[in-house]
Amino acid sequence: MKVELVTTLKRQATKILQDLHTSKEPVLITEHGQPSAYLVDVDDYEMMQKRMSILEGIAKGEQAIRNDDVLTNLQAKEKMDKWLK
């Protein structure tokens, strides 16, 4: 992973963005020697958000199973029929 100082980002933002779009490699921005932010390509960020949404849905489903908050197939069909009317 590429690491850049925040001052370098301020001075060379265009070049850093060009490199980011070309390499698709995230850039860690540091400030006073400490990690401050990640700079990532837009497509990669959107893909990560979609993946996170899917994982959150799976986690909710697993929690529902643990809590025994589930429906049989027939119960689910009946519920869906009410919504679709």
PDB file of N, CA and C in Angstrom:
ATOM      1  N   MET A   1       0.841  -1.181   0.000  1.00  0.00           N
ATOM      2  CA  MET A   1       0.000   0.000   0.000  1.00  0.00           C
ATOM      3  C   MET A   1       0.880   1.236   0.000  1.00  0.00           C
ATOM      4  N   LYS A   2       0.479   2.180  -0.784  1.00  0.00           N
ATOM      5  CA  LYS A   2       1.225   3.430  -0.882  1.00  0.00           C
ATOM      6  C   LYS A   2       0.891   4.316   0.328  1.00  0.00           C
ATOM      7  N   VAL A   3       1.884   5.009   0.840  1.00  0.00           N
ATOM      8  CA  VAL A   3       1.716   5.914   1.978  1.00  0.00           C
ATOM      9  C   VAL A   3       2.179   7.295   1.557  1.00  0.00           C
ATOM     10  N   GLU A   4       1.370   8.291   1.842  1.00  0.00           N
ATOM     11  CA  GLU A   4       1.718   9.683   1.503  1.00  0.00           C
ATOM     12  C   GLU A   4       1.447  10.586   2.697  1.00  0.00           C
ATOM     13  N   LEU A   5       2.276  11.604   2.823  1.00  0.00           N
ATOM     14  CA  LEU A   5       2.052  12.629   3.837  1.00  0.00           C
ATOM     15  C   LEU A   5       0.903  13.531   3.392  1.00  0.00           C
ATOM     16  N   VAL A   6       0.180  14.070   4.341  1.00  0.00           N
ATOM     17  CA  VAL A   6      -0.919  14.970   4.000  1.00  0.00           C
ATOM     18  C   VAL A   6      -0.393  16.194   3.237  1.00  0.00           C
ATOM     19  N   THR A   7       0.811  16.641   3.564  1.00  0.00           N
ATOM     20  CA  THR A   7       1.378  17.787   2.845  1.00  0.00           C
ATOM     21  C   THR A   7       1.670  17.428   1.387  1.00  0.00           C
ATOM     22  N   THR A   8       2.091  16.189   1.138  1.00  0.00           N
ATOM     23  CA  THR A   8       2.311  15.743  -0.235  1.00  0.00           C
ATOM     24  C   THR A   8       0.994  15.697  -0.983  1.00  0.00           C
ATOM     25  N   LEU A   9      -0.053  15.244  -0.315  1.00  0.00           N
ATOM     26  CA  LEU A   9      -1.376  15.215  -0.933  1.00  0.00           C
ATOM     27  C   LEU A   9      -1.815  16.626  -1.315  1.00  0.00           C
ATOM     28  N   LYS A  10      -1.564  17.588  -0.450  1.00  0.00           N
ATOM     29  CA  LYS A  10      -1.936  18.972  -0.745  1.00  0.00           C
ATOM     30  C   LYS A  10      -1.185  19.492  -1.971  1.00  0.00           C
ATOM     31  N   ARG A  11       0.085  19.159  -2.083  1.00  0.00           N
ATOM     32  CA  ARG A  11       0.915  19.687  -3.176  1.00  0.00           C
ATOM     33  C   ARG A  11       0.744  18.918  -4.485  1.00  0.00           C
ATOM     34  N   GLN A  12       0.488  17.619  -4.380  1.00  0.00           N
ATOM     35  CA  GLN A  12       0.489  16.774  -5.578  1.00  0.00           C
ATOM     36  C   GLN A  12      -0.798  15.969  -5.723  1.00  0.00           C
ATOM     37  N   ALA A  13      -1.925  16.565  -5.397  1.00  0.00           N
ATOM     38  CA  ALA A  13      -3.196  15.841  -5.416  1.00  0.00           C
ATOM     39  C   ALA A  13      -3.502  15.253  -6.785  1.00  0.00           C
ATOM     40  N   THR A  14      -3.293  16.010  -7.835  1.00  0.00           N
ATOM     41  CA  THR A  14      -3.598  15.531  -9.183  1.00  0.00           C
ATOM     42  C   THR A  14      -2.781  14.295  -9.523  1.00  0.00           C
ATOM     43  N   LYS A  15      -1.493  14.338  -9.240  1.00  0.00           N
ATOM     44  CA  LYS A  15      -0.626  13.192  -9.538  1.00  0.00           C
ATOM     45  C   LYS A  15      -1.013  11.980  -8.699  1.00  0.00           C
ATOM     46  N   ILE A  16      -1.285  12.188  -7.432  1.00  0.00           N
ATOM     47  CA  ILE A  16      -1.663  11.082  -6.553  1.00  0.00           C
ATOM     48  C   ILE A  16      -2.970  10.451  -7.032  1.00  0.00           C
ATOM     49  N   LEU A  17      -3.928  11.286  -7.433  1.00  0.00           N
ATOM     50  CA  LEU A  17      -5.190  10.755  -7.953  1.00  0.00           C
ATOM     51  C   LEU A  17      -4.992   9.995  -9.257  1.00  0.00           C
ATOM     52  N   GLN A  18      -4.128  10.499 -10.133  1.00  0.00           N
ATOM     53  CA  GLN A  18      -3.840   9.782 -11.379  1.00  0.00           C
ATOM     54  C   GLN A  18      -3.244   8.407 -11.083  1.00  0.00           C
ATOM     55  N   ASP A  19      -2.288   8.376 -10.156  1.00  0.00           N
ATOM     56  CA  ASP A  19      -1.668   7.106  -9.770  1.00  0.00           C
ATOM     57  C   ASP A  19      -2.709   6.153  -9.164  1.00  0.00           C
ATOM     58  N   LEU A  20      -3.594   6.699  -8.363  1.00  0.00           N
ATOM     59  CA  LEU A  20      -4.636   5.905  -7.726  1.00  0.00           C
ATOM     60  C   LEU A  20      -5.549   5.273  -8.771  1.00  0.00           C
ATOM     61  N   HIS A  21      -5.969   6.050  -9.748  1.00  0.00           N
ATOM     62  CA  HIS A  21      -6.849   5.538 -10.791  1.00  0.00           C
ATOM     63  C   HIS A  21      -6.142   4.497 -11.656  1.00  0.00           C
ATOM     64  N   THR A  22      -4.855   4.668 -11.850  1.00  0.00           N
ATOM     65  CA  THR A  22      -4.086   3.728 -12.670  1.00  0.00           C
ATOM     66  C   THR A  22      -3.833   2.422 -11.926  1.00  0.00           C
ATOM     67  N   SER A  23      -3.360   2.534 -10.693  1.00  0.00           N
ATOM     68  CA  SER A  23      -2.953   1.339  -9.940  1.00  0.00           C
ATOM     69  C   SER A  23      -4.092   0.688  -9.163  1.00  0.00           C
ATOM     70  N   LYS A  24      -5.127   1.453  -8.846  1.00  0.00           N
ATOM     71  CA  LYS A  24      -6.250   0.986  -8.011  1.00  0.00           C
ATOM     72  C   LYS A  24      -5.791   0.617  -6.599  1.00  0.00           C
ATOM     73  N   GLU A  25      -4.578   1.018  -6.253  1.00  0.00           N
ATOM     74  CA  GLU A  25      -4.021   0.718  -4.934  1.00  0.00           C
ATOM     75  C   GLU A  25      -4.388   1.832  -3.958  1.00  0.00           C
ATOM     76  N   PRO A  26      -5.016   1.500  -2.820  1.00  0.00           N
ATOM     77  CA  PRO A  26      -5.358   2.539  -1.837  1.00  0.00           C
ATOM     78  C   PRO A  26      -4.112   3.283  -1.361  1.00  0.00           C
ATOM     79  N   VAL A  27      -4.315   4.522  -0.957  1.00  0.00           N
ATOM     80  CA  VAL A  27      -3.225   5.358  -0.450  1.00  0.00           C
ATOM     81  C   VAL A  27      -3.544   5.706   1.007  1.00  0.00           C
ATOM     82  N   LEU A  28      -2.607   5.396   1.887  1.00  0.00           N
ATOM     83  CA  LEU A  28      -2.748   5.768   3.288  1.00  0.00           C
ATOM     84  C   LEU A  28      -2.174   7.167   3.459  1.00  0.00           C
ATOM     85  N   ILE A  29      -2.995   8.077   3.942  1.00  0.00           N
ATOM     86  CA  ILE A  29      -2.560   9.459   4.184  1.00  0.00           C
ATOM     87  C   ILE A  29      -2.179   9.570   5.656  1.00  0.00           C
ATOM     88  N   THR A  30      -0.973  10.070   5.903  1.00  0.00           N
ATOM     89  CA  THR A  30      -0.520  10.242   7.284  1.00  0.00           C
ATOM     90  C   THR A  30      -0.428  11.723   7.622  1.00  0.00           C
ATOM     91  N   GLU A  31      -0.633  11.988   8.888  1.00  0.00           N
ATOM     92  CA  GLU A  31      -0.561  13.355   9.401  1.00  0.00           C
ATOM     93  C   GLU A  31       0.214  13.302  10.706  1.00  0.00           C
ATOM     94  N   HIS A  32       1.309  14.035  10.774  1.00  0.00           N
ATOM     95  CA  HIS A  32       2.192  14.025  11.949  1.00  0.00           C
ATOM     96  C   HIS A  32       2.660  12.601  12.271  1.00  0.00           C
ATOM     97  N   GLY A  33       2.919  11.823  11.214  1.00  0.00           N
ATOM     98  CA  GLY A  33       3.436  10.470  11.383  1.00  0.00           C
ATOM     99  C   GLY A  33       2.401   9.424  11.754  1.00  0.00           C
ATOM    100  N   GLN A  34       1.146   9.827  11.845  1.00  0.00           N
ATOM    101  CA  GLN A  34       0.085   8.902  12.228  1.00  0.00           C
ATOM    102  C   GLN A  34      -0.891   8.705  11.065  1.00  0.00           C
ATOM    103  N   PRO A  35      -1.432   7.495  10.914  1.00  0.00           N
ATOM    104  CA  PRO A  35      -2.443   7.280   9.875  1.00  0.00           C
ATOM    105  C   PRO A  35      -3.628   8.217  10.084  1.00  0.00           C
ATOM    106  N   SER A  36      -4.088   8.827   9.010  1.00  0.00           N
ATOM    107  CA  SER A  36      -5.176   9.795   9.115  1.00  0.00           C
ATOM    108  C   SER A  36      -6.380   9.404   8.258  1.00  0.00           C
ATOM    109  N   ALA A  37      -6.125   8.882   7.051  1.00  0.00           N
ATOM    110  CA  ALA A  37      -7.231   8.537   6.152  1.00  0.00           C
ATOM    111  C   ALA A  37      -6.724   7.623   5.049  1.00  0.00           C
ATOM    112  N   TYR A  38      -7.655   6.954   4.413  1.00  0.00           N
ATOM    113  CA  TYR A  38      -7.346   6.168   3.223  1.00  0.00           C
ATOM    114  C   TYR A  38      -7.978   6.853   2.029  1.00  0.00           C
ATOM    115  N   LEU A  39      -7.248   6.878   0.945  1.00  0.00           N
ATOM    116  CA  LEU A  39      -7.748   7.397  -0.318  1.00  0.00           C
ATOM    117  C   LEU A  39      -7.928   6.187  -1.222  1.00  0.00           C
ATOM    118  N   VAL A  40      -9.181   5.950  -1.651  1.00  0.00           N
ATOM    119  CA  VAL A  40      -9.466   4.776  -2.474  1.00  0.00           C
ATOM    120  C   VAL A  40     -10.215   5.194  -3.733  1.00  0.00           C
ATOM    121  N   ASP A  41     -10.088   4.362  -4.760  1.00  0.00           N
ATOM    122  CA  ASP A  41     -10.782   4.586  -6.013  1.00  0.00           C
ATOM    123  C   ASP A  41     -12.297   4.503  -5.780  1.00  0.00           C
ATOM    124  N   VAL A  42     -13.065   5.299  -6.494  1.00  0.00           N
ATOM    125  CA  VAL A  42     -14.514   5.355  -6.321  1.00  0.00           C
ATOM    126  C   VAL A  42     -15.156   3.991  -6.555  1.00  0.00           C
ATOM    127  N   ASP A  43     -14.783   3.309  -7.630  1.00  0.00           N
ATOM    128  CA  ASP A  43     -15.369   1.996  -7.925  1.00  0.00           C
ATOM    129  C   ASP A  43     -15.072   0.999  -6.815  1.00  0.00           C
ATOM    130  N   ASP A  44     -13.857   1.021  -6.298  1.00  0.00           N
ATOM    131  CA  ASP A  44     -13.487   0.126  -5.206  1.00  0.00           C
ATOM    132  C   ASP A  44     -14.285   0.441  -3.944  1.00  0.00           C
ATOM    133  N   TYR A  45     -14.455   1.722  -3.655  1.00  0.00           N
ATOM    134  CA  TYR A  45     -15.225   2.132  -2.480  1.00  0.00           C
ATOM    135  C   TYR A  45     -16.670   1.661  -2.590  1.00  0.00           C
ATOM    136  N   GLU A  46     -17.282   1.869  -3.767  1.00  0.00           N
ATOM    137  CA  GLU A  46     -18.669   1.454  -3.961  1.00  0.00           C
ATOM    138  C   GLU A  46     -18.814  -0.059  -3.845  1.00  0.00           C
ATOM    139  N   MET A  47     -17.845  -0.808  -4.364  1.00  0.00           N
ATOM    140  CA  MET A  47     -17.872  -2.258  -4.248  1.00  0.00           C
ATOM    141  C   MET A  47     -17.777  -2.676  -2.775  1.00  0.00           C
ATOM    142  N   MET A  48     -16.924  -2.000  -2.007  1.00  0.00           N
ATOM    143  CA  MET A  48     -16.789  -2.312  -0.584  1.00  0.00           C
ATOM    144  C   MET A  48     -18.100  -2.034   0.158  1.00  0.00           C
ATOM    145  N   GLN A  49     -18.778  -0.944  -0.208  1.00  0.00           N
ATOM    146  CA  GLN A  49     -20.050  -0.617   0.430  1.00  0.00           C
ATOM    147  C   GLN A  49     -21.103  -1.680   0.130  1.00  0.00           C
ATOM    148  N   LYS A  50     -21.144  -2.161  -1.110  1.00  0.00           N
ATOM    149  CA  LYS A  50     -22.094  -3.225  -1.468  1.00  0.00           C
ATOM    150  C   LYS A  50     -21.790  -4.500  -0.692  1.00  0.00           C
ATOM    151  N   ARG A  51     -20.509  -4.846  -0.617  1.00  0.00           N
ATOM    152  CA  ARG A  51     -20.123  -6.043   0.135  1.00  0.00           C
ATOM    153  C   ARG A  51     -20.503  -5.912   1.603  1.00  0.00           C
ATOM    154  N   MET A  52     -20.282  -4.732   2.170  1.00  0.00           N
ATOM    155  CA  MET A  52     -20.620  -4.501   3.573  1.00  0.00           C
ATOM    156  C   MET A  52     -22.122  -4.656   3.790  1.00  0.00           C
ATOM    157  N   SER A  53     -22.908  -4.159   2.871  1.00  0.00           N
ATOM    158  CA  SER A  53     -24.362  -4.279   2.968  1.00  0.00           C
ATOM    159  C   SER A  53     -24.789  -5.746   2.942  1.00  0.00           C
ATOM    160  N   ILE A  54     -24.190  -6.522   2.055  1.00  0.00           N
ATOM    161  CA  ILE A  54     -24.496  -7.957   1.982  1.00  0.00           C
ATOM    162  C   ILE A  54     -24.110  -8.654   3.282  1.00  0.00           C
ATOM    163  N   LEU A  55     -22.918  -8.352   3.799  1.00  0.00           N
ATOM    164  CA  LEU A  55     -22.464  -8.970   5.042  1.00  0.00           C
ATOM    165  C   LEU A  55     -23.360  -8.596   6.221  1.00  0.00           C
ATOM    166  N   GLU A  56     -23.837  -7.349   6.253  1.00  0.00           N
ATOM    167  CA  GLU A  56     -24.749  -6.932   7.318  1.00  0.00           C
ATOM    168  C   GLU A  56     -26.065  -7.694   7.225  1.00  0.00           C
ATOM    169  N   GLY A  57     -26.551  -7.916   6.002  1.00  0.00           N
ATOM    170  CA  GLY A  57     -27.771  -8.697   5.817  1.00  0.00           C
ATOM    171  C   GLY A  57     -27.598 -10.128   6.289  1.00  0.00           C
ATOM    172  N   ILE A  58     -26.472 -10.725   5.973  1.00  0.00           N
ATOM    173  CA  ILE A  58     -26.182 -12.088   6.428  1.00  0.00           C
ATOM    174  C   ILE A  58     -26.124 -12.135   7.958  1.00  0.00           C
ATOM    175  N   ALA A  59     -25.470 -11.148   8.558  1.00  0.00           N
ATOM    176  CA  ALA A  59     -25.363 -11.105  10.026  1.00  0.00           C
ATOM    177  C   ALA A  59     -26.746 -10.977  10.662  1.00  0.00           C
ATOM    178  N   LYS A  60     -27.630 -10.170  10.073  1.00  0.00           N
ATOM    179  CA  LYS A  60     -28.993 -10.030  10.600  1.00  0.00           C
ATOM    180  C   LYS A  60     -29.738 -11.359  10.492  1.00  0.00           C
ATOM    181  N   GLY A  61     -29.560 -12.046   9.367  1.00  0.00           N
ATOM    182  CA  GLY A  61     -30.199 -13.344   9.193  1.00  0.00           C
ATOM    183  C   GLY A  61     -29.701 -14.354  10.206  1.00  0.00           C
ATOM    184  N   GLU A  62     -28.399 -14.375  10.441  1.00  0.00           N
ATOM    185  CA  GLU A  62     -27.840 -15.293  11.433  1.00  0.00           C
ATOM    186  C   GLU A  62     -28.358 -14.977  12.832  1.00  0.00           C
ATOM    187  N   GLN A  63     -28.488 -13.688  13.135  1.00  0.00           N
ATOM    188  CA  GLN A  63     -29.011 -13.284  14.450  1.00  0.00           C
ATOM    189  C   GLN A  63     -30.471 -13.702  14.585  1.00  0.00           C
ATOM    190  N   ALA A  64     -31.237 -13.555  13.512  1.00  0.00           N
ATOM    191  CA  ALA A  64     -32.643 -13.975  13.542  1.00  0.00           C
ATOM    192  C   ALA A  64     -32.748 -15.476  13.798  1.00  0.00           C
ATOM    193  N   ILE A  65     -31.863 -16.259  13.194  1.00  0.00           N
ATOM    194  CA  ILE A  65     -31.864 -17.707  13.421  1.00  0.00           C
ATOM    195  C   ILE A  65     -31.527 -18.012  14.879  1.00  0.00           C
ATOM    196  N   ARG A  66     -30.510 -17.336  15.420  1.00  0.00           N
ATOM    197  CA  ARG A  66     -30.138 -17.553  16.832  1.00  0.00           C
ATOM    198  C   ARG A  66     -31.289 -17.191  17.769  1.00  0.00           C
ATOM    199  N   ASN A  67     -32.054 -16.152  17.407  1.00  0.00           N
ATOM    200  CA  ASN A  67     -33.180 -15.698  18.237  1.00  0.00           C
ATOM    201  C   ASN A  67     -34.460 -16.471  17.937  1.00  0.00           C
ATOM    202  N   ASP A  68     -34.371 -17.445  17.042  1.00  0.00           N
ATOM    203  CA  ASP A  68     -35.528 -18.227  16.601  1.00  0.00           C
ATOM    204  C   ASP A  68     -36.635 -17.319  16.063  1.00  0.00           C
ATOM    205  N   ASP A  69     -36.243 -16.268  15.395  1.00  0.00           N
ATOM    206  CA  ASP A  69     -37.177 -15.313  14.782  1.00  0.00           C
ATOM    207  C   ASP A  69     -37.246 -15.604  13.285  1.00  0.00           C
ATOM    208  N   VAL A  70     -37.767 -16.798  12.971  1.00  0.00           N
ATOM    209  CA  VAL A  70     -37.815 -17.251  11.583  1.00  0.00           C
ATOM    210  C   VAL A  70     -39.233 -17.704  11.239  1.00  0.00           C
ATOM    211  N   LEU A  71     -39.502 -17.804   9.949  1.00  0.00           N
ATOM    212  CA  LEU A  71     -40.800 -18.250   9.461  1.00  0.00           C
ATOM    213  C   LEU A  71     -40.620 -19.532   8.657  1.00  0.00           C
ATOM    214  N   THR A  72     -41.660 -20.346   8.648  1.00  0.00           N
ATOM    215  CA  THR A  72     -41.643 -21.485   7.745  1.00  0.00           C
ATOM    216  C   THR A  72     -41.861 -20.960   6.335  1.00  0.00           C
ATOM    217  N   ASN A  73     -41.626 -21.810   5.348  1.00  0.00           N
ATOM    218  CA  ASN A  73     -41.840 -21.417   3.962  1.00  0.00           C
ATOM    219  C   ASN A  73     -43.300 -21.017   3.736  1.00  0.00           C
ATOM    220  N   LEU A  74     -44.246 -21.763   4.304  1.00  0.00           N
ATOM    221  CA  LEU A  74     -45.669 -21.465   4.152  1.00  0.00           C
ATOM    222  C   LEU A  74     -46.007 -20.124   4.799  1.00  0.00           C
ATOM    223  N   GLN A  75     -45.483 -19.869   5.999  1.00  0.00           N
ATOM    224  CA  GLN A  75     -45.730 -18.593   6.673  1.00  0.00           C
ATOM    225  C   GLN A  75     -45.181 -17.424   5.852  1.00  0.00           C
ATOM    226  N   ALA A  76     -44.020 -17.605   5.285  1.00  0.00           N
ATOM    227  CA  ALA A  76     -43.411 -16.546   4.473  1.00  0.00           C
ATOM    228  C   ALA A  76     -44.257 -16.283   3.229  1.00  0.00           C
ATOM    229  N   LYS A  77     -44.737 -17.340   2.586  1.00  0.00           N
ATOM    230  CA  LYS A  77     -45.582 -17.170   1.391  1.00  0.00           C
ATOM    231  C   LYS A  77     -46.871 -16.429   1.732  1.00  0.00           C
ATOM    232  N   GLU A  78     -47.506 -16.793   2.858  1.00  0.00           N
ATOM    233  CA  GLU A  78     -48.732 -16.125   3.270  1.00  0.00           C
ATOM    234  C   GLU A  78     -48.496 -14.647   3.546  1.00  0.00           C
ATOM    235  N   LYS A  79     -47.382 -14.348   4.192  1.00  0.00           N
ATOM    236  CA  LYS A  79     -47.033 -12.947   4.491  1.00  0.00           C
ATOM    237  C   LYS A  79     -46.788 -12.158   3.205  1.00  0.00           C
ATOM    238  N   MET A  80     -46.082 -12.764   2.271  1.00  0.00           N
ATOM    239  CA  MET A  80     -45.798 -12.106   0.987  1.00  0.00           C
ATOM    240  C   MET A  80     -47.086 -11.893   0.200  1.00  0.00           C
ATOM    241  N   ASP A  81     -48.010 -12.869   0.251  1.00  0.00           N
ATOM    242  CA  ASP A  81     -49.285 -12.711  -0.456  1.00  0.00           C
ATOM    243  C   ASP A  81     -50.045 -11.497   0.053  1.00  0.00           C
ATOM    244  N   LYS A  82     -49.996 -11.248   1.365  1.00  0.00           N
ATOM    245  CA  LYS A  82     -50.683 -10.081   1.938  1.00  0.00           C
ATOM    246  C   LYS A  82     -50.048  -8.782   1.432  1.00  0.00           C
ATOM    247  N   TRP A  83     -48.722  -8.763   1.321  1.00  0.00           N
ATOM    248  CA  TRP A  83     -48.024  -7.560   0.854  1.00  0.00           C
ATOM    249  C   TRP A  83     -48.284  -7.289  -0.621  1.00  0.00           C
ATOM    250  N   LEU A  84     -48.440  -8.355  -1.395  1.00  0.00           N
ATOM    251  CA  LEU A  84     -48.578  -8.207  -2.843  1.00  0.00           C
ATOM    252  C   LEU A  84     -50.007  -7.905  -3.287  1.00  0.00           C
ATOM    253  N   LYS A  85     -50.958  -7.962  -2.381  1.00  0.00           N
ATOM    254  CA  LYS A  85     -52.354  -7.682  -2.751  1.00  0.00           C
ATOM    255  C   LYS A  85     -52.633  -6.213  -2.773  1.00  0.00           C
TER     256      LYS A  85
END
